[in-house]
């Protein structure tokens, strides 16, 4: 009897210890994108964090379509319902929308009091991507830049040299003419990516801007924007450029010479095609080195409970460390923000010219324009629809730009 009582007592103590340990594990909810290309680095990233922090368990809530805009909408709906995620992936162009919703948490207090956080380890240009009005709301996860992908075999077949790629718009058009005359498609400028990213890139490289800092003055429908859309429409009219939002599939078919897309495709695209892909800086109006607005995303905190905030900060800080940065840098096409890791990647992959170009560009990124107010996603769709209508020749470049400006002004 005494032995039975002792066994029962032991079992109760053991179960209480197990229960106590279970109670100490904190669950954090992470809203993020999910696709094969994102899961390839995000799942190892989460696993590495949980291994270092066994008292924290990350539960992912995923968005599989609709991109950053759909993800942002899901986060805002959860916040409005009083059930915000503890942290969420956010595209750089939607930071202001998230901050002005009143739900995001400034990270400055955590950064200041945490001696283990070293902001100097990060490229200033990348860290600045997460600031709104001087406050840090986002820590970069991965950054991409606009880049040109070239079908090397196709270039060689028509007498072009992929290792001496077009640098100016005129040179790109000349190469497209040769490709068309030999039965192929010339170039495809990725106008459909989020609606505004490549458009912003072309406008800024033409000497313009989408708008001033607070969007009180719209500028994309001025001369640089008109120059951009006239050039793109001309490429379509001359038969050099197809009008499609299936950019990667079109390139993968092997009949397109040049694709202007994201450096994120460094890992993804070469594995889905049966020809060598050469990366090059995208052509600019004058052939100068391009300005490159930062694509990609970071992580923002939304947890309201102080204990949850402290746990969420551990994950956000983890993203700046070398282990996390190596995972992002090697398993995705993104460039991490950790400067030391970028240097080591340049050394390790010195013979990979595509990687070298993406790493060099990431060090000199400019901000991806973030529209103020709650209608950032709608504004990007207006810009996307405007470009599609102009490329399909449903409207002239001037009329299309002015119409979009009027619609955006109303949304602002």
Protein backbone atom coordinates (compact mmCIF):
# COMPACT_ATOMS: atom_id res chain seq x y z
CA UNK A 1 0.00 0.00 0.00
CA UNK A 2 2.81 2.35 0.97
CA UNK A 3 4.58 1.45 -2.25
CA UNK A 4 1.43 2.25 -4.27
CA UNK A 5 1.04 5.60 -2.49
CA UNK A 6 4.67 6.41 -3.23
CA UNK A 7 4.20 5.59 -6.93
CA UNK A 8 1.08 7.74 -7.15
CA UNK A 9 2.83 10.62 -5.41
CA UNK A 10 5.78 10.32 -7.77
CA UNK A 11 3.50 10.35 -10.80
CA UNK A 12 1.69 13.44 -9.55
CA UNK A 13 4.96 15.26 -8.99
CA UNK A 14 6.29 14.23 -12.39
CA UNK A 15 3.10 15.27 -14.16
CA UNK A 16 3.10 18.62 -12.39
CA UNK A 17 6.69 19.20 -13.51
CA UNK A 18 5.78 18.36 -17.10
CA UNK A 19 2.73 20.60 -16.87
CA UNK A 20 4.84 23.38 -15.45
CA UNK A 21 7.32 23.08 -18.29
CA UNK A 22 4.49 23.13 -20.81
CA UNK A 23 3.13 26.24 -19.18
CA UNK A 24 6.46 27.99 -19.68
CA UNK A 25 6.38 27.53 -23.45
CA UNK A 26 5.09 30.71 -25.03
CA UNK A 27 3.20 30.57 -28.31
CA UNK A 28 3.71 33.42 -30.77
CA UNK A 29 1.51 33.92 -33.83
CA UNK A 30 3.34 34.86 -37.02
CA UNK A 31 1.41 36.01 -40.11
CA UNK A 32 3.49 35.36 -43.23
CA UNK A 33 3.48 34.52 -46.92
CA UNK A 34 3.67 30.87 -47.87
CA UNK A 35 4.85 29.53 -51.21
CA UNK A 36 7.62 27.10 -52.08
CA UNK A 37 10.09 29.95 -52.59
CA UNK A 38 9.23 31.53 -49.22
CA UNK A 39 8.90 28.32 -47.21
CA UNK A 40 12.36 27.30 -48.40
CA UNK A 41 13.98 29.85 -46.08
CA UNK A 42 11.21 30.70 -43.60
CA UNK A 43 10.73 27.18 -42.25
CA UNK A 44 14.47 26.67 -41.53
CA UNK A 45 14.54 30.18 -40.05
CA UNK A 46 11.70 29.39 -37.63
CA UNK A 47 13.25 26.01 -36.76
CA UNK A 48 16.61 27.61 -35.99
CA UNK A 49 14.97 30.20 -33.74
CA UNK A 50 12.95 27.60 -31.84
CA UNK A 51 16.07 25.49 -31.36
CA UNK A 52 17.79 28.45 -29.70
CA UNK A 53 14.62 29.39 -27.80
CA UNK A 54 12.90 26.17 -26.68
CA UNK A 55 10.56 28.19 -24.46
CA UNK A 56 8.97 29.84 -27.53
CA UNK A 57 6.83 28.15 -30.16
CA UNK A 58 5.93 29.98 -33.38
CA UNK A 59 2.56 29.30 -34.95
CA UNK A 60 2.35 30.41 -38.57
CA UNK A 61 -0.80 31.80 -40.13
CA UNK A 62 -0.11 31.83 -43.86
CA UNK A 63 -1.31 33.68 -46.93
CA UNK A 64 -0.77 31.73 -50.14
CA UNK A 65 -1.96 34.21 -52.78
CA UNK A 66 -2.39 37.93 -53.25
CA UNK A 67 1.10 38.87 -52.08
CA UNK A 68 1.95 41.54 -49.56
CA UNK A 69 -1.34 43.38 -50.08
CA UNK A 70 -3.41 40.31 -49.15
CA UNK A 71 -1.16 39.63 -46.17
CA UNK A 72 -1.47 43.23 -44.94
CA UNK A 73 -5.26 43.07 -45.24
CA UNK A 74 -5.34 39.89 -43.16
CA UNK A 75 -3.18 41.51 -40.46
CA UNK A 76 -5.34 44.63 -40.34
CA UNK A 77 -8.54 42.56 -40.12
CA UNK A 78 -7.10 40.57 -37.22
CA UNK A 79 -6.08 43.78 -35.46
CA UNK A 80 -9.55 45.27 -35.95
CA UNK A 81 -11.07 42.10 -34.47
CA UNK A 82 -8.90 42.44 -31.38
CA UNK A 83 -6.79 39.37 -32.20
CA UNK A 84 -3.59 40.79 -33.69
CA UNK A 85 -0.69 38.54 -34.61
CA UNK A 86 2.34 38.89 -32.39
CA UNK A 87 4.42 39.78 -35.44
CA UNK A 88 3.94 39.73 -39.19
CA UNK A 89 5.82 39.80 -42.44
CA UNK A 90 5.26 43.16 -44.19
CA UNK A 91 6.24 44.39 -47.64
CA UNK A 92 8.30 47.56 -47.53
CA UNK A 93 5.72 49.52 -49.54
CA UNK A 94 3.03 48.92 -46.90
CA UNK A 95 4.85 50.05 -43.76
CA UNK A 96 3.06 53.39 -43.53
CA UNK A 97 -0.31 51.72 -43.96
CA UNK A 98 0.45 49.40 -41.05
CA UNK A 99 1.86 52.14 -38.81
CA UNK A 100 -0.99 54.54 -39.46
CA UNK A 101 -3.49 51.82 -38.57
CA UNK A 102 -2.33 52.36 -34.99
CA UNK A 103 -1.63 48.68 -34.34
CA UNK A 104 2.10 48.32 -34.96
CA UNK A 105 4.63 48.61 -32.15
CA UNK A 106 7.73 50.83 -32.41
CA UNK A 107 10.88 48.80 -31.86
CA UNK A 108 13.15 51.60 -30.60
CA UNK A 109 12.59 50.91 -26.86
CA UNK A 110 13.54 47.24 -27.33
CA UNK A 111 16.58 48.15 -29.42
CA UNK A 112 17.85 50.65 -26.86
CA UNK A 113 17.56 48.46 -23.78
CA UNK A 114 18.86 45.25 -25.36
CA UNK A 115 22.67 45.18 -25.15
CA UNK A 116 22.70 42.15 -27.44
CA UNK A 117 21.20 44.12 -30.33
CA UNK A 118 23.80 45.70 -32.58
CA UNK A 119 22.34 48.08 -35.15
CA UNK A 120 25.85 48.71 -36.49
CA UNK A 121 25.94 45.15 -37.83
CA UNK A 122 23.23 46.09 -40.33
CA UNK A 123 23.53 48.11 -43.51
CA UNK A 124 22.13 51.58 -42.66
CA UNK A 125 20.32 51.75 -46.02
CA UNK A 126 18.44 48.55 -45.18
CA UNK A 127 17.71 49.44 -41.56
CA UNK A 128 16.27 52.76 -42.74
CA UNK A 129 13.73 50.87 -44.85
CA UNK A 130 11.87 50.07 -41.62
CA UNK A 131 11.59 53.62 -40.33
CA UNK A 132 8.54 55.89 -40.31
CA UNK A 133 9.00 59.46 -39.11
CA UNK A 134 12.29 58.56 -37.47
CA UNK A 135 10.98 55.54 -35.53
CA UNK A 136 11.94 51.94 -36.26
CA UNK A 137 8.85 49.80 -36.89
CA UNK A 138 10.30 47.03 -39.05
CA UNK A 139 13.47 44.94 -39.11
CA UNK A 140 14.42 43.79 -42.63
CA UNK A 141 14.07 40.08 -43.28
CA UNK A 142 15.17 40.01 -46.89
CA UNK A 143 15.73 42.66 -49.55
CA UNK A 144 15.54 42.31 -53.30
CA UNK A 145 16.25 44.76 -56.09
CA UNK A 146 15.05 45.17 -59.68
CA UNK A 147 17.28 43.24 -62.03
CA UNK A 148 17.42 42.04 -65.62
CA UNK A 149 17.37 38.30 -66.33
CA UNK A 150 18.81 37.25 -69.69
CA UNK A 151 18.33 33.99 -71.55
CA UNK A 152 21.98 33.38 -72.39
CA UNK A 153 21.33 30.67 -74.98
CA UNK A 154 18.78 32.80 -76.81
CA UNK A 155 21.12 35.80 -76.85
CA UNK A 156 23.90 33.67 -78.32
CA UNK A 157 21.55 32.17 -80.89
CA UNK A 158 20.65 35.59 -82.33
CA UNK A 159 24.17 36.99 -82.14
CA UNK A 160 23.89 38.97 -78.89
CA UNK A 161 26.30 38.77 -75.96
CA UNK A 162 24.74 38.16 -72.55
CA UNK A 163 28.03 39.06 -70.90
CA UNK A 164 27.82 42.50 -72.51
CA UNK A 165 24.15 43.25 -71.83
CA UNK A 166 22.16 46.33 -72.85
CA UNK A 167 22.74 49.20 -70.45
CA UNK A 168 20.37 51.84 -71.84
CA UNK A 169 16.76 51.81 -72.97
CA UNK A 170 17.93 52.35 -76.55
CA UNK A 171 20.31 49.38 -76.35
CA UNK A 172 17.54 47.21 -74.85
CA UNK A 173 15.26 48.19 -77.71
CA UNK A 174 17.95 47.41 -80.27
CA UNK A 175 18.45 43.96 -78.73
CA UNK A 176 14.67 43.42 -78.72
CA UNK A 177 14.53 44.31 -82.42
CA UNK A 178 17.11 41.62 -83.23
CA UNK A 179 15.24 39.06 -81.13
CA UNK A 180 11.92 39.88 -82.82
CA UNK A 181 13.40 39.70 -86.31
CA UNK A 182 14.64 36.18 -85.56
CA UNK A 183 11.24 35.02 -84.29
CA UNK A 184 11.53 35.63 -80.56
CA UNK A 185 10.23 38.10 -77.96
CA UNK A 186 12.49 40.92 -76.89
CA UNK A 187 11.91 42.21 -73.38
CA UNK A 188 9.29 42.04 -70.67
CA UNK A 189 9.40 44.78 -68.05
CA UNK A 190 7.70 43.38 -64.93
CA UNK A 191 5.05 46.06 -64.62
CA UNK A 192 2.66 43.78 -62.73
CA UNK A 193 4.93 43.16 -59.70
CA UNK A 194 2.85 44.62 -56.82
CA UNK A 195 1.67 47.28 -59.26
CA UNK A 196 4.19 49.97 -58.42
CA UNK A 197 7.70 48.58 -57.90
CA UNK A 198 9.11 48.43 -61.44
CA UNK A 199 7.08 51.53 -62.35
CA UNK A 200 8.71 53.43 -59.47
CA UNK A 201 12.11 52.13 -60.58
CA UNK A 202 11.69 53.40 -64.14
CA UNK A 203 10.25 56.75 -63.08
CA UNK A 204 13.06 57.39 -60.60
CA UNK A 205 15.71 56.42 -63.15
CA UNK A 206 14.07 58.94 -65.49
CA UNK A 207 14.57 61.66 -62.90
CA UNK A 208 11.12 61.63 -61.28
CA UNK A 209 9.24 60.39 -58.22
CA UNK A 210 5.89 58.79 -57.53
CA UNK A 211 5.01 61.54 -55.06
CA UNK A 212 6.54 63.74 -52.39
CA UNK A 213 7.12 62.31 -48.89
CA UNK A 214 3.58 62.78 -47.54
CA UNK A 215 1.89 62.22 -50.93
CA UNK A 216 0.37 65.70 -50.84
CA UNK A 217 1.77 66.19 -54.35
CA UNK A 218 1.53 63.40 -56.89
CA UNK A 219 4.40 63.38 -59.38
CA UNK A 220 4.25 60.10 -61.30
CA UNK A 221 2.11 61.69 -64.04
CA UNK A 222 4.75 64.31 -64.82
CA UNK A 223 7.36 64.12 -67.60
CA UNK A 224 9.43 61.19 -66.17
CA UNK A 225 6.28 59.07 -65.78
CA UNK A 226 5.12 59.98 -69.27
CA UNK A 227 8.56 59.10 -70.64
CA UNK A 228 8.39 55.73 -68.89
CA UNK A 229 4.95 54.69 -70.06
CA UNK A 230 5.55 55.98 -73.60
CA UNK A 231 8.69 53.85 -73.84
CA UNK A 232 6.92 50.74 -72.57
CA UNK A 233 3.92 51.23 -74.84
CA UNK A 234 6.27 51.71 -77.80
CA UNK A 235 7.92 48.35 -77.03
CA UNK A 236 4.49 46.73 -77.24
CA UNK A 237 3.50 48.58 -80.43
CA UNK A 238 6.71 47.49 -82.15
CA UNK A 239 6.11 43.87 -81.15
CA UNK A 240 9.13 43.71 -78.87
CA UNK A 241 7.27 43.18 -75.59
CA UNK A 242 4.34 40.89 -74.74
CA UNK A 243 1.62 42.17 -72.39
CA UNK A 244 1.22 39.59 -69.65
CA UNK A 245 1.40 39.36 -65.90
CA UNK A 246 2.71 35.79 -66.20
CA UNK A 247 6.24 37.11 -66.33
CA UNK A 248 8.19 34.13 -65.01
CA UNK A 249 6.21 31.59 -67.00
CA UNK A 250 6.79 33.61 -70.16
CA UNK A 251 10.53 33.76 -69.50
CA UNK A 252 10.71 30.07 -68.59
CA UNK A 253 9.18 29.11 -71.95
CA UNK A 254 12.52 30.04 -73.52
CA UNK A 255 11.26 32.45 -76.19
CA UNK A 256 11.92 35.71 -74.32
CA UNK A 257 15.34 37.35 -74.33
CA UNK A 258 15.13 39.74 -71.36
CA UNK A 259 12.96 39.91 -68.25
CA UNK A 260 13.01 42.82 -65.81
CA UNK A 261 12.04 41.30 -62.49
CA UNK A 262 13.31 40.83 -58.94
CA UNK A 263 16.68 39.60 -57.70
CA UNK A 264 14.59 37.28 -55.49
CA UNK A 265 14.51 35.07 -58.59
CA UNK A 266 18.22 34.27 -58.20
CA UNK A 267 17.39 30.91 -56.61
CA UNK A 268 13.93 30.22 -57.99
CA UNK A 269 14.14 30.92 -61.73
CA UNK A 270 17.36 29.10 -62.73
CA UNK A 271 15.91 25.92 -61.20
CA UNK A 272 12.72 26.13 -63.30
CA UNK A 273 14.29 26.72 -66.73
CA UNK A 274 16.47 24.62 -69.02
CA UNK A 275 18.82 27.38 -70.10
CA UNK A 276 21.50 29.45 -68.33
CA UNK A 277 20.27 32.73 -66.83
CA UNK A 278 22.52 35.78 -66.62
CA UNK A 279 21.73 38.63 -64.25
CA UNK A 280 22.53 42.22 -65.20
CA UNK A 281 21.62 45.69 -63.91
CA UNK A 282 18.40 46.83 -65.50
CA UNK A 283 18.78 49.27 -68.41
CA UNK A 284 18.29 52.96 -67.66
CA UNK A 285 17.41 55.85 -70.01
CA UNK A 286 21.05 56.95 -70.25
CA UNK A 287 22.86 53.70 -69.50
CA UNK A 288 24.01 54.86 -66.07
CA UNK A 289 24.09 52.59 -63.01
CA UNK A 290 20.44 52.18 -61.96
CA UNK A 291 18.75 53.44 -58.84
CA UNK A 292 17.25 50.36 -57.18
CA UNK A 293 14.21 50.70 -54.90
CA UNK A 294 14.21 47.98 -52.26
CA UNK A 295 11.77 45.15 -52.75
CA UNK A 296 11.20 42.44 -50.20
CA UNK A 297 9.96 42.51 -46.67
CA UNK A 298 10.66 42.69 -42.98
CA UNK A 299 8.95 41.82 -39.72
CA UNK A 300 6.75 44.18 -37.70
CA UNK A 301 5.52 43.66 -34.14
CA UNK A 302 1.81 43.82 -33.29
CA UNK A 303 1.72 42.09 -29.89
CA UNK A 304 0.05 44.25 -27.23
CA UNK A 305 0.79 42.12 -24.15
CA UNK A 306 4.18 43.09 -22.59
CA UNK A 307 5.25 39.45 -22.12
CA UNK A 308 4.36 38.64 -25.70
CA UNK A 309 6.24 41.73 -26.86
CA UNK A 310 9.41 40.59 -25.09
CA UNK A 311 9.16 37.15 -26.71
CA UNK A 312 8.35 38.63 -30.12
CA UNK A 313 11.35 40.93 -29.84
CA UNK A 314 13.59 37.88 -29.45
CA UNK A 315 12.49 36.66 -32.87
CA UNK A 316 12.78 40.09 -34.49
CA UNK A 317 16.29 40.47 -33.07
CA UNK A 318 17.18 36.95 -34.22
CA UNK A 319 16.64 38.09 -37.82
CA UNK A 320 19.64 40.43 -37.50
CA UNK A 321 22.01 37.69 -36.34
CA UNK A 322 24.52 35.90 -38.55
CA UNK A 323 22.78 32.51 -38.34
CA UNK A 324 19.46 33.89 -39.55
CA UNK A 325 21.08 36.09 -42.18
CA UNK A 326 22.97 33.12 -43.66
CA UNK A 327 19.75 31.13 -43.91
CA UNK A 328 18.05 33.98 -45.78
CA UNK A 329 21.07 34.71 -47.95
CA UNK A 330 21.74 31.14 -49.06
CA UNK A 331 18.22 29.68 -49.28
CA UNK A 332 16.42 32.59 -50.94
CA UNK A 333 17.10 35.22 -53.54
CA UNK A 334 16.90 37.87 -50.84
CA UNK A 335 19.88 39.72 -49.45
CA UNK A 336 20.00 39.86 -45.64
CA UNK A 337 20.72 43.12 -43.81
CA UNK A 338 23.71 41.85 -41.80
CA UNK A 339 26.77 43.52 -43.30
CA UNK A 340 29.24 40.90 -42.07
CA UNK A 341 27.18 38.11 -43.64
CA UNK A 342 27.03 39.93 -46.97
CA UNK A 343 30.82 40.22 -46.95
CA UNK A 344 31.18 36.51 -46.21
CA UNK A 345 28.67 35.62 -48.96
CA UNK A 346 30.63 37.69 -51.46
CA UNK A 347 33.75 35.72 -50.58
CA UNK A 348 32.07 32.32 -50.50
CA UNK A 349 30.26 32.87 -53.82
CA UNK A 350 32.92 34.95 -55.55
CA UNK A 351 32.51 32.97 -58.77
CA UNK A 352 28.73 33.41 -58.88
CA UNK A 353 28.31 36.61 -60.91
CA UNK A 354 24.52 36.63 -60.46
CA UNK A 355 24.91 36.55 -56.69
CA UNK A 356 27.60 39.25 -56.79
CA UNK A 357 25.32 41.66 -58.66
CA UNK A 358 22.43 41.18 -56.24
CA UNK A 359 24.71 41.68 -53.23
CA UNK A 360 26.25 44.83 -54.69
CA UNK A 361 22.87 46.33 -55.50
CA UNK A 362 21.41 45.58 -52.08
CA UNK A 363 24.05 47.74 -50.41
CA UNK A 364 22.76 50.85 -52.17
CA UNK A 365 19.00 50.44 -52.09
CA UNK A 366 16.57 53.33 -52.00
CA UNK A 367 13.16 53.14 -50.25
CA UNK A 368 10.20 51.47 -51.92
CA UNK A 369 7.57 54.20 -51.77
CA UNK A 370 5.00 53.61 -49.05
CA UNK A 371 1.68 55.42 -49.45
CA UNK A 372 0.22 57.01 -46.32
CA UNK A 373 -3.23 56.10 -45.05
CA UNK A 374 -5.20 52.89 -45.19
CA UNK A 375 -5.51 52.64 -48.98
CA UNK A 376 -1.94 51.69 -49.90
CA UNK A 377 -3.04 48.40 -51.44
CA UNK A 378 -5.82 50.05 -53.45
CA UNK A 379 -3.44 52.71 -54.73
CA UNK A 380 -0.98 50.09 -55.94
CA UNK A 381 -3.82 48.39 -57.81
CA UNK A 382 -4.73 51.68 -59.50
CA UNK A 383 -1.14 51.97 -60.71
CA UNK A 384 -1.13 48.38 -61.90
CA UNK A 385 -4.42 48.79 -63.79
CA UNK A 386 -3.15 52.03 -65.33
CA UNK A 387 -0.06 50.36 -66.72
CA UNK A 388 -2.04 47.42 -68.09
CA UNK A 389 -4.51 49.73 -69.86
CA UNK A 390 -1.70 51.75 -71.44
CA UNK A 391 0.22 48.65 -72.54
CA UNK A 392 -2.95 47.18 -74.06
CA UNK A 393 -3.34 50.52 -75.88
CA UNK A 394 -6.77 51.13 -74.41
CA UNK A 395 -5.68 54.61 -73.41
CA UNK A 396 -2.79 56.95 -74.19
CA UNK A 397 0.07 57.26 -71.70
CA UNK A 398 -0.88 60.86 -70.82
CA UNK A 399 -4.58 60.07 -70.33
CA UNK A 400 -3.81 56.92 -68.34
CA UNK A 401 -1.38 58.66 -65.99
CA UNK A 402 -3.70 61.60 -65.35
CA UNK A 403 -6.67 59.30 -64.75
CA UNK A 404 -4.69 57.26 -62.24
CA UNK A 405 -3.52 60.44 -60.50
CA UNK A 406 -7.11 61.59 -60.08
CA UNK A 407 -8.16 58.22 -58.64
CA UNK A 408 -5.23 58.11 -56.25
CA UNK A 409 -5.85 61.67 -55.08
CA UNK A 410 -9.37 60.61 -54.14
CA UNK A 411 -8.07 57.57 -52.23
CA UNK A 412 -5.62 59.75 -50.32
